[in-house]
Amino acid sequence: MRHAYISGLATCLLVTLMGCTLQFLSGGGIIPLLWEFPLNLILLFFIVLTAAFLRFAHYRSATYQLLKNPYFSIGALSVTLVLVLISGLFMQQHNSFAESDSSLTPFSSIIYATIRSWPFILNLVALLFILSIVILGRPVRFSLRYVSFQLNHIGLWLLLGAGVMGAADKKELRTILTAERPTTLAFTTNGNTQGLPFELSLEDFYTEHFPNKLMVIEFDTLNGSIRRQAFQDLLAHTHLYSIEGYEIEVEDGNMYSDSLGVKVGDDMWMLHVDYNHGFAPLHKDKALLLNQGGVKRYVAKVAISSNKTEEKTIETLQVNHPMKHAGYYIYLDSYTADHGVVLRLVADSWLWMAYLGLWSIIAGALLMFVSGPTGFVYATDANKAMNEPTKTQLS
């Protein structure tokens, strides 16, 4: 057990050292050409074929038995865990996999761009190979435990493979749309221009708010700060409100309008969401204000025209509600001061593999509830049973 753990740890430390060497030789970044399609797919098949060859040609060898030992995997995972902790402790550069930051040195790129560094990538490739060994090395048994084991490990293999091998093929672009300027261009995080297989134009952009609120605030006259405040949402077909003991009569008006007429006692006032343009003084240290409701959602209507067929479709975009077109997921990212919008376009051809892996893990986890615990639990129980003296031995 200890030998297997130390062997896995030493192996991945050696892989990390190799990654550091490549990091310095490459000037501090991954060479995208080595990981783009079809080379990444070829590497993935090579990993599987190598694991299969070892499984069927050298199954009884000491090296193969060591590689499939669970403690060897734990040792290998320990190195990857350290790299993950580094990426969490230090502020990371957010460039894509295929883009490097010239401001980073080879050493600093390991710290501040960990997930795009050679040590991290090579360790993940090593884990892929170890996972392949574990999956193929498991003796075939027609039982729920065997199926759940394979589903969990194959799902993890698919997720890891999609993340590592598919990173270079993932595209993340941004483009700015205004009503007067359709575009077929987008920009990478480094500012490089890239053409799109369709044309985008902005038809409309607007913001929806929640209903406005009536707000009574109490000032601290000594330091000029707000001591206390109370809110009341404006409601449809409601004209009388009671806030902090004040009876407030509201004129007919839109719950979302920027101004509103109110009556407090015998006094009439015109409130405005911009307090400088209208509020109602209630007392020497109190005032009634109209507070604009919070943002409910941002909505952009975007027209998409194909460069080939010139067919035009209008889609509605909201934050966190993307649309899919021509292999791109199009997100509403932000807006500009001139009523334009910033769109984020993401194309990930390996996403299906990640989803398949996720569902495989979920299915394996559900089967574990049916089949019961496996692996270390049963191995530990067996060892205890072998070491504990029986009643016959004691007598």
Protein backbone atom coordinates (compact mmCIF):
# COMPACT_ATOMS: atom_id res chain seq x y z
CA MET A 1 0.00 0.00 0.00
CA ARG A 2 2.69 2.49 1.00
CA HIS A 3 4.91 1.40 -1.88
CA ALA A 4 2.07 1.94 -4.39
CA TYR A 5 1.26 5.40 -3.01
CA ILE A 6 4.91 6.53 -3.10
CA SER A 7 5.28 5.13 -6.62
CA GLY A 8 2.25 7.08 -7.87
CA LEU A 9 3.47 10.23 -6.14
CA ALA A 10 7.00 9.88 -7.55
CA THR A 11 5.70 9.15 -11.05
CA CYS A 12 3.60 12.29 -11.20
CA LEU A 13 6.36 14.38 -9.61
CA LEU A 14 8.56 13.22 -12.48
CA VAL A 15 5.80 14.16 -14.92
CA THR A 16 5.61 17.58 -13.25
CA LEU A 17 9.37 18.03 -13.62
CA MET A 18 9.07 17.16 -17.32
CA GLY A 19 6.27 19.72 -17.59
CA CYS A 20 8.38 22.42 -15.95
CA THR A 21 11.18 21.69 -18.43
CA LEU A 22 8.78 22.01 -21.37
CA GLN A 23 7.37 25.18 -19.82
CA PHE A 24 10.78 26.84 -19.91
CA LEU A 25 11.68 25.50 -23.36
CA SER A 26 8.39 26.71 -24.86
CA GLY A 27 8.73 30.16 -23.30
CA GLY A 28 5.87 29.80 -20.84
CA GLY A 29 2.89 28.40 -22.69
CA ILE A 30 1.21 25.46 -24.36
CA ILE A 31 1.74 25.11 -28.10
CA PRO A 32 -1.89 25.04 -29.33
CA LEU A 33 -1.04 23.13 -32.51
CA LEU A 34 -0.06 20.09 -30.42
CA TRP A 35 -3.51 19.89 -28.82
CA GLU A 36 -5.88 20.90 -31.60
CA PHE A 37 -7.98 18.51 -33.64
CA PRO A 38 -7.06 15.95 -34.93
CA LEU A 39 -3.85 15.58 -32.87
CA ASN A 40 -5.71 15.64 -29.55
CA LEU A 41 -8.03 12.87 -30.75
CA ILE A 42 -5.05 10.82 -31.94
CA LEU A 43 -3.39 11.23 -28.52
CA LEU A 44 -6.59 10.13 -26.80
CA PHE A 45 -6.79 6.97 -28.91
CA PHE A 46 -3.08 6.32 -28.29
CA ILE A 47 -3.65 6.44 -24.53
CA VAL A 48 -6.50 3.93 -24.78
CA LEU A 49 -4.59 1.61 -27.13
CA THR A 50 -1.50 1.65 -24.88
CA ALA A 51 -3.63 0.82 -21.83
CA ALA A 52 -5.35 -1.98 -23.78
CA PHE A 53 -2.01 -3.40 -24.92
CA LEU A 54 -0.71 -3.50 -21.36
CA ARG A 55 -3.97 -5.07 -20.20
CA PHE A 56 -3.87 -7.99 -22.64
CA ALA A 57 -0.08 -8.43 -23.09
CA HIS A 58 1.30 -7.69 -19.61
CA TYR A 59 -1.61 -8.18 -17.24
CA ARG A 60 0.33 -10.31 -14.76
CA SER A 61 3.44 -8.12 -14.74
CA ALA A 62 4.37 -6.31 -11.52
CA THR A 63 4.37 -2.94 -13.31
CA TYR A 64 0.81 -3.34 -14.56
CA GLN A 65 -0.44 -4.50 -11.18
CA LEU A 66 1.21 -1.44 -9.63
CA LEU A 67 -0.43 0.94 -12.12
CA LYS A 68 -3.91 -0.44 -11.40
CA ASN A 69 -3.43 -0.30 -7.65
CA PRO A 70 -5.85 2.24 -6.06
CA TYR A 71 -3.10 3.68 -3.88
CA PHE A 72 -1.00 4.40 -6.97
CA SER A 73 -3.92 6.50 -8.25
CA ILE A 74 -4.16 8.33 -4.92
CA GLY A 75 -0.47 9.19 -5.06
CA ALA A 76 -0.88 10.52 -8.59
CA LEU A 77 -3.94 12.55 -7.59
CA SER A 78 -1.97 14.18 -4.75
CA VAL A 79 0.26 16.04 -7.22
CA THR A 80 -2.71 17.22 -9.28
CA LEU A 81 -4.42 18.37 -6.08
CA VAL A 82 -1.42 20.56 -5.23
CA LEU A 83 -1.57 22.16 -8.69
CA VAL A 84 -5.30 22.76 -8.29
CA LEU A 85 -4.65 24.43 -4.91
CA ILE A 86 -2.07 26.69 -6.56
CA SER A 87 -4.63 27.74 -9.18
CA GLY A 88 -7.07 28.56 -6.38
CA LEU A 89 -4.63 30.47 -4.16
CA PHE A 90 -3.21 32.74 -6.87
CA MET A 91 -5.07 35.06 -9.22
CA GLN A 92 -5.28 33.31 -12.58
CA GLN A 93 -5.03 34.80 -16.06
CA HIS A 94 -8.26 34.11 -17.93
CA ASN A 95 -6.98 33.78 -21.47
CA SER A 96 -8.18 30.82 -23.46
CA PHE A 97 -6.15 27.64 -23.84
CA ALA A 98 -4.84 28.69 -27.23
CA GLU A 99 -3.73 32.17 -26.14
CA SER A 100 -0.69 33.06 -24.07
CA ASP A 101 0.09 36.17 -22.08
CA SER A 102 3.41 37.71 -23.09
CA SER A 103 3.67 39.50 -19.74
CA LEU A 104 4.19 36.20 -17.89
CA THR A 105 7.57 34.52 -17.52
CA PRO A 106 7.86 30.71 -17.83
CA PHE A 107 7.92 30.36 -14.03
CA SER A 108 5.14 32.87 -13.28
CA SER A 109 2.91 31.26 -15.91
CA ILE A 110 2.95 28.03 -13.84
CA ILE A 111 1.66 30.04 -10.87
CA TYR A 112 -0.70 32.52 -12.56
CA ALA A 113 -1.83 30.42 -15.54
CA THR A 114 -1.73 27.00 -13.91
CA ILE A 115 -4.46 25.28 -15.88
CA ARG A 116 -2.73 26.24 -19.15
CA SER A 117 0.74 25.18 -18.04
CA TRP A 118 2.65 22.10 -19.16
CA PRO A 119 2.93 20.58 -15.64
CA PHE A 120 -0.84 20.70 -15.14
CA ILE A 121 -1.73 19.40 -18.60
CA LEU A 122 0.80 16.53 -18.46
CA ASN A 123 -0.48 15.49 -15.03
CA LEU A 124 -4.02 15.34 -16.38
CA VAL A 125 -2.82 13.25 -19.31
CA ALA A 126 -1.09 10.92 -16.83
CA LEU A 127 -4.36 10.64 -14.87
CA LEU A 128 -6.18 9.80 -18.10
CA PHE A 129 -3.72 6.98 -18.73
CA ILE A 130 -4.04 5.67 -15.14
CA LEU A 131 -7.85 5.82 -15.41
CA SER A 132 -7.64 3.82 -18.64
CA ILE A 133 -5.53 1.21 -16.87
CA VAL A 134 -8.00 1.01 -13.97
CA ILE A 135 -11.05 0.73 -16.25
CA LEU A 136 -9.58 -1.96 -18.51
CA GLY A 137 -7.90 -3.79 -15.65
CA ARG A 138 -11.09 -4.38 -13.69
CA PRO A 139 -12.07 -8.07 -14.00
CA VAL A 140 -15.36 -8.43 -15.85
CA ARG A 141 -18.23 -9.48 -13.58
CA PHE A 142 -21.90 -9.37 -14.40
CA SER A 143 -23.03 -7.52 -11.30
CA LEU A 144 -24.38 -4.11 -10.33
CA ARG A 145 -21.17 -3.32 -8.45
CA TYR A 146 -19.11 -3.88 -11.57
CA VAL A 147 -21.46 -1.75 -13.68
CA SER A 148 -21.51 1.10 -11.14
CA PHE A 149 -17.71 1.00 -10.86
CA GLN A 150 -17.31 1.22 -14.63
CA LEU A 151 -19.92 3.93 -15.04
CA ASN A 152 -18.25 6.12 -12.42
CA HIS A 153 -14.76 5.66 -13.80
CA ILE A 154 -15.75 5.92 -17.46
CA GLY A 155 -17.72 9.07 -16.66
CA LEU A 156 -14.70 10.59 -14.95
CA TRP A 157 -12.55 9.55 -17.93
CA LEU A 158 -14.94 11.25 -20.35
CA LEU A 159 -15.07 14.45 -18.30
CA LEU A 160 -11.30 14.56 -17.94
CA GLY A 161 -10.76 13.73 -21.62
CA ALA A 162 -13.17 16.43 -22.77
CA GLY A 163 -11.55 18.99 -20.49
CA VAL A 164 -7.94 18.20 -21.37
CA MET A 165 -8.12 17.22 -25.01
CA GLY A 166 -10.94 19.56 -25.96
CA ALA A 167 -9.52 22.71 -24.37
CA ALA A 168 -7.58 23.77 -27.47
CA ASP A 169 -10.63 23.36 -29.71
CA LYS A 170 -12.83 25.56 -27.52
CA LYS A 171 -13.44 29.05 -28.89
CA GLU A 172 -14.58 31.97 -26.75
CA LEU A 173 -15.23 35.21 -28.60
CA ARG A 174 -16.91 38.54 -27.94
CA THR A 175 -18.53 41.05 -30.23
CA ILE A 176 -20.26 44.42 -29.80
CA LEU A 177 -23.63 45.04 -31.44
CA THR A 178 -25.44 48.33 -31.98
CA ALA A 179 -28.65 49.02 -33.84
CA GLU A 180 -26.80 50.75 -36.68
CA ARG A 181 -23.89 48.34 -37.08
CA PRO A 182 -24.40 44.67 -38.01
CA THR A 183 -21.27 42.55 -37.80
CA THR A 184 -19.73 39.30 -38.96
CA LEU A 185 -16.62 39.73 -36.80
CA ALA A 186 -15.76 38.78 -33.23
CA PHE A 187 -12.69 39.19 -31.04
CA THR A 188 -10.63 36.82 -28.93
CA THR A 189 -9.52 37.70 -25.39
CA ASN A 190 -6.24 38.91 -26.88
CA GLY A 191 -8.05 41.26 -29.26
CA ASN A 192 -7.49 39.22 -32.42
CA THR A 193 -10.24 39.41 -35.02
CA GLN A 194 -12.07 36.30 -36.19
CA GLY A 195 -14.82 35.97 -38.76
CA LEU A 196 -18.20 34.39 -37.99
CA PRO A 197 -20.21 32.11 -40.29
CA PHE A 198 -23.25 34.37 -39.81
CA GLU A 199 -24.15 38.05 -39.43
CA LEU A 200 -25.44 39.52 -36.18
CA SER A 201 -27.48 42.70 -35.81
CA LEU A 202 -29.26 44.27 -32.83
CA GLU A 203 -33.00 44.78 -33.28
CA ASP A 204 -33.83 45.98 -29.76
CA PHE A 205 -32.40 46.13 -26.25
CA TYR A 206 -34.30 47.03 -23.11
CA THR A 207 -34.27 46.53 -19.34
CA GLU A 208 -37.21 45.26 -17.34
CA HIS A 209 -37.55 46.38 -13.71
CA PHE A 210 -39.54 45.27 -10.73
CA PRO A 211 -42.25 47.75 -9.60
CA ASN A 212 -41.05 50.96 -8.00
CA LYS A 213 -41.12 51.42 -4.23
CA LEU A 214 -42.21 54.19 -1.91
CA MET A 215 -39.45 54.82 0.61
CA VAL A 216 -39.47 56.82 3.83
CA ILE A 217 -36.00 57.70 5.05
CA GLU A 218 -34.86 59.25 8.31
CA PHE A 219 -31.74 61.40 8.30
CA ASP A 220 -29.11 61.70 10.98
CA THR A 221 -28.80 65.48 11.01
CA LEU A 222 -25.47 65.39 12.84
CA ASN A 223 -23.42 63.55 10.22
CA GLY A 224 -25.76 63.72 7.21
CA SER A 225 -26.23 59.95 6.87
CA ILE A 226 -29.42 57.89 6.60
CA ARG A 227 -30.38 56.54 10.00
CA ARG A 228 -33.37 54.40 9.00
CA GLN A 229 -35.45 53.60 5.93
CA ALA A 230 -38.71 51.77 5.22
CA PHE A 231 -40.02 50.48 1.87
CA GLN A 232 -43.42 49.70 0.41
CA ASP A 233 -43.84 48.16 -3.05
CA LEU A 234 -46.23 49.90 -5.41
CA LEU A 235 -49.16 47.63 -6.23
CA ALA A 236 -51.59 47.67 -9.12
CA HIS A 237 -54.99 49.28 -8.36
CA THR A 238 -53.82 50.35 -4.89
CA HIS A 239 -54.01 54.04 -3.95
CA LEU A 240 -53.55 54.14 -0.17
CA TYR A 241 -50.32 53.17 1.60
CA SER A 242 -49.23 53.40 5.22
CA ILE A 243 -45.51 53.73 5.92
CA GLU A 244 -44.00 54.65 9.29
CA GLY A 245 -47.35 56.08 10.43
CA TYR A 246 -47.81 58.29 7.34
CA GLU A 247 -50.96 57.84 5.24
CA ILE A 248 -49.95 58.26 1.60
CA GLU A 249 -52.43 58.56 -1.25
CA VAL A 250 -51.05 57.76 -4.69
CA GLU A 251 -52.48 59.15 -7.91
CA ASP A 252 -53.27 56.87 -10.83
CA GLY A 253 -50.01 56.09 -12.51
CA ASN A 254 -47.70 53.44 -13.81
CA MET A 255 -45.89 51.36 -11.19
CA TYR A 256 -42.81 51.58 -13.39
CA SER A 257 -42.88 55.28 -14.37
CA ASP A 258 -40.08 57.64 -13.39
CA SER A 259 -42.42 60.10 -11.65
CA LEU A 260 -45.48 59.77 -9.44
CA GLY A 261 -47.90 62.21 -7.81
CA VAL A 262 -48.67 61.60 -4.12
CA LYS A 263 -50.70 63.25 -1.39
CA VAL A 264 -49.54 63.26 2.22
CA GLY A 265 -52.06 64.90 4.51
CA ASP A 266 -53.18 68.06 2.71
CA ASP A 267 -49.96 68.44 0.72
CA MET A 268 -49.44 67.30 -2.88
CA TRP A 269 -46.01 66.29 -4.11
CA MET A 270 -44.46 64.99 -7.31
CA LEU A 271 -41.91 62.25 -6.67
CA HIS A 272 -39.18 61.28 -9.12
CA VAL A 273 -36.77 58.33 -9.18
CA ASP A 274 -34.03 60.96 -9.43
CA TYR A 275 -34.32 62.42 -5.93
CA ASN A 276 -32.93 65.77 -7.07
CA HIS A 277 -35.99 66.23 -9.30
CA GLY A 278 -38.68 65.41 -6.79
CA PHE A 279 -39.25 64.20 -3.21
CA ALA A 280 -41.66 64.94 -0.36
CA PRO A 281 -40.33 66.38 2.92
CA LEU A 282 -42.33 64.82 5.76
CA HIS A 283 -40.55 66.16 8.82
CA LYS A 284 -37.35 68.01 9.59
CA ASP A 285 -35.40 64.74 9.40
CA LYS A 286 -37.72 62.55 7.25
CA ALA A 287 -38.58 62.44 3.55
CA LEU A 288 -40.67 60.38 1.13
CA LEU A 289 -38.87 59.19 -1.99
CA LEU A 290 -39.69 57.16 -5.10
CA ASN A 291 -37.18 54.33 -5.39
CA GLN A 292 -36.80 52.65 -8.75
CA GLY A 293 -37.37 48.90 -8.68
CA GLY A 294 -34.41 46.61 -9.15
CA VAL A 295 -33.51 45.18 -12.52
CA LYS A 296 -35.61 42.14 -13.36
CA ARG A 297 -33.87 41.15 -16.58
CA TYR A 298 -31.92 42.48 -19.54
CA VAL A 299 -33.41 41.56 -22.92
CA ALA A 300 -31.81 41.82 -26.35
CA LYS A 301 -33.51 40.92 -29.62
CA VAL A 302 -30.79 39.83 -32.02
CA ALA A 303 -31.21 39.13 -35.74
CA ILE A 304 -29.06 36.35 -37.20
CA SER A 305 -28.48 36.08 -40.94
CA SER A 306 -26.68 33.16 -42.55
CA ASN A 307 -23.78 34.16 -44.79
CA LYS A 308 -24.83 31.51 -47.32
CA THR A 309 -28.64 31.50 -47.42
CA GLU A 310 -29.23 35.07 -46.10
CA GLU A 311 -32.15 33.77 -44.04
CA LYS A 312 -32.87 36.09 -41.14
CA THR A 313 -34.18 34.96 -37.78
CA ILE A 314 -34.78 37.06 -34.67
CA GLU A 315 -33.87 35.53 -31.31
CA THR A 316 -34.43 36.85 -27.78
CA LEU A 317 -31.40 36.80 -25.49
CA GLN A 318 -31.37 37.13 -21.71
CA VAL A 319 -28.57 36.87 -19.17
CA ASN A 320 -27.79 33.17 -18.50
CA HIS A 321 -30.25 32.13 -21.23
CA PRO A 322 -28.10 31.62 -24.33
CA MET A 323 -29.18 30.58 -27.79
CA LYS A 324 -27.40 28.12 -30.06
CA HIS A 325 -26.62 28.78 -33.70
CA ALA A 326 -24.13 27.19 -36.10
CA GLY A 327 -22.27 25.44 -33.27
CA TYR A 328 -21.99 28.58 -31.12
CA TYR A 329 -23.68 29.25 -27.79
CA ILE A 330 -24.42 32.99 -27.82
CA TYR A 331 -24.71 34.73 -24.44
CA LEU A 332 -25.80 38.25 -23.53
CA ASP A 333 -22.68 39.38 -21.66
CA SER A 334 -23.17 43.10 -20.96
CA TYR A 335 -24.30 46.37 -22.53
CA THR A 336 -22.63 49.59 -23.69
CA ALA A 337 -23.31 53.25 -22.94
CA ASP A 338 -24.77 53.83 -26.44
CA HIS A 339 -27.51 51.18 -25.93
CA GLY A 340 -25.51 48.45 -27.59
CA VAL A 341 -24.81 44.99 -26.25
CA VAL A 342 -21.75 42.78 -25.81
CA LEU A 343 -22.27 39.17 -26.85
CA ARG A 344 -20.11 36.23 -25.81
CA LEU A 345 -19.88 33.38 -28.31
CA VAL A 346 -18.66 29.97 -27.16
CA ALA A 347 -18.03 27.01 -29.46
CA ASP A 348 -17.06 23.75 -27.73
CA SER A 349 -17.08 20.68 -29.97
CA TRP A 350 -16.24 18.40 -27.00
CA LEU A 351 -19.15 19.50 -24.82
CA TRP A 352 -21.22 16.43 -25.70
CA MET A 353 -18.45 14.24 -24.27
CA ALA A 354 -18.48 16.16 -20.99
CA TYR A 355 -22.27 15.82 -20.71
CA LEU A 356 -22.04 12.10 -21.45
CA GLY A 357 -19.44 11.72 -18.71
CA LEU A 358 -21.57 13.65 -16.23
CA TRP A 359 -24.62 11.47 -16.87
CA SER A 360 -22.45 8.36 -16.61
CA ILE A 361 -21.23 9.43 -13.16
CA ILE A 362 -24.79 10.18 -12.04
CA ALA A 363 -25.95 6.74 -13.23
CA GLY A 364 -23.01 5.07 -11.48
CA ALA A 365 -23.71 6.95 -8.26
CA LEU A 366 -27.36 5.87 -8.30
CA LEU A 367 -26.36 2.25 -8.87
CA MET A 368 -24.03 2.44 -5.86
CA PHE A 369 -27.07 2.95 -3.62
CA VAL A 370 -28.51 -0.27 -5.01
CA SER A 371 -25.35 -2.38 -5.10
CA GLY A 372 -23.87 -1.22 -1.79
CA PRO A 373 -20.30 -0.17 -0.91
CA THR A 374 -17.32 -1.58 -2.81
CA GLY A 375 -13.55 -1.36 -2.98
CA PHE A 376 -11.80 -0.14 0.15
CA VAL A 377 -14.70 -0.93 2.48
CA TYR A 378 -14.79 -4.59 1.61
CA ALA A 379 -11.00 -4.84 1.44
CA THR A 380 -10.75 -3.36 4.93
CA ASP A 381 -13.42 -5.68 6.28
CA ALA A 382 -11.64 -8.67 4.75
CA ASN A 383 -8.32 -7.65 6.31
CA LYS A 384 -9.96 -7.25 9.70
CA ALA A 385 -11.56 -10.66 9.41
CA MET A 386 -8.19 -12.24 8.58
CA ASN A 387 -6.38 -10.54 11.46
CA GLU A 388 -8.99 -10.93 14.19
CA PRO A 389 -8.72 -14.21 16.16
CA THR A 390 -11.77 -16.42 16.08
CA LYS A 391 -13.49 -17.87 19.14
CA THR A 392 -11.99 -21.26 18.37
CA GLN A 393 -8.46 -19.79 18.37
CA LEU A 394 -9.05 -18.02 21.68
CA SER A 395 -10.32 -21.15 23.32
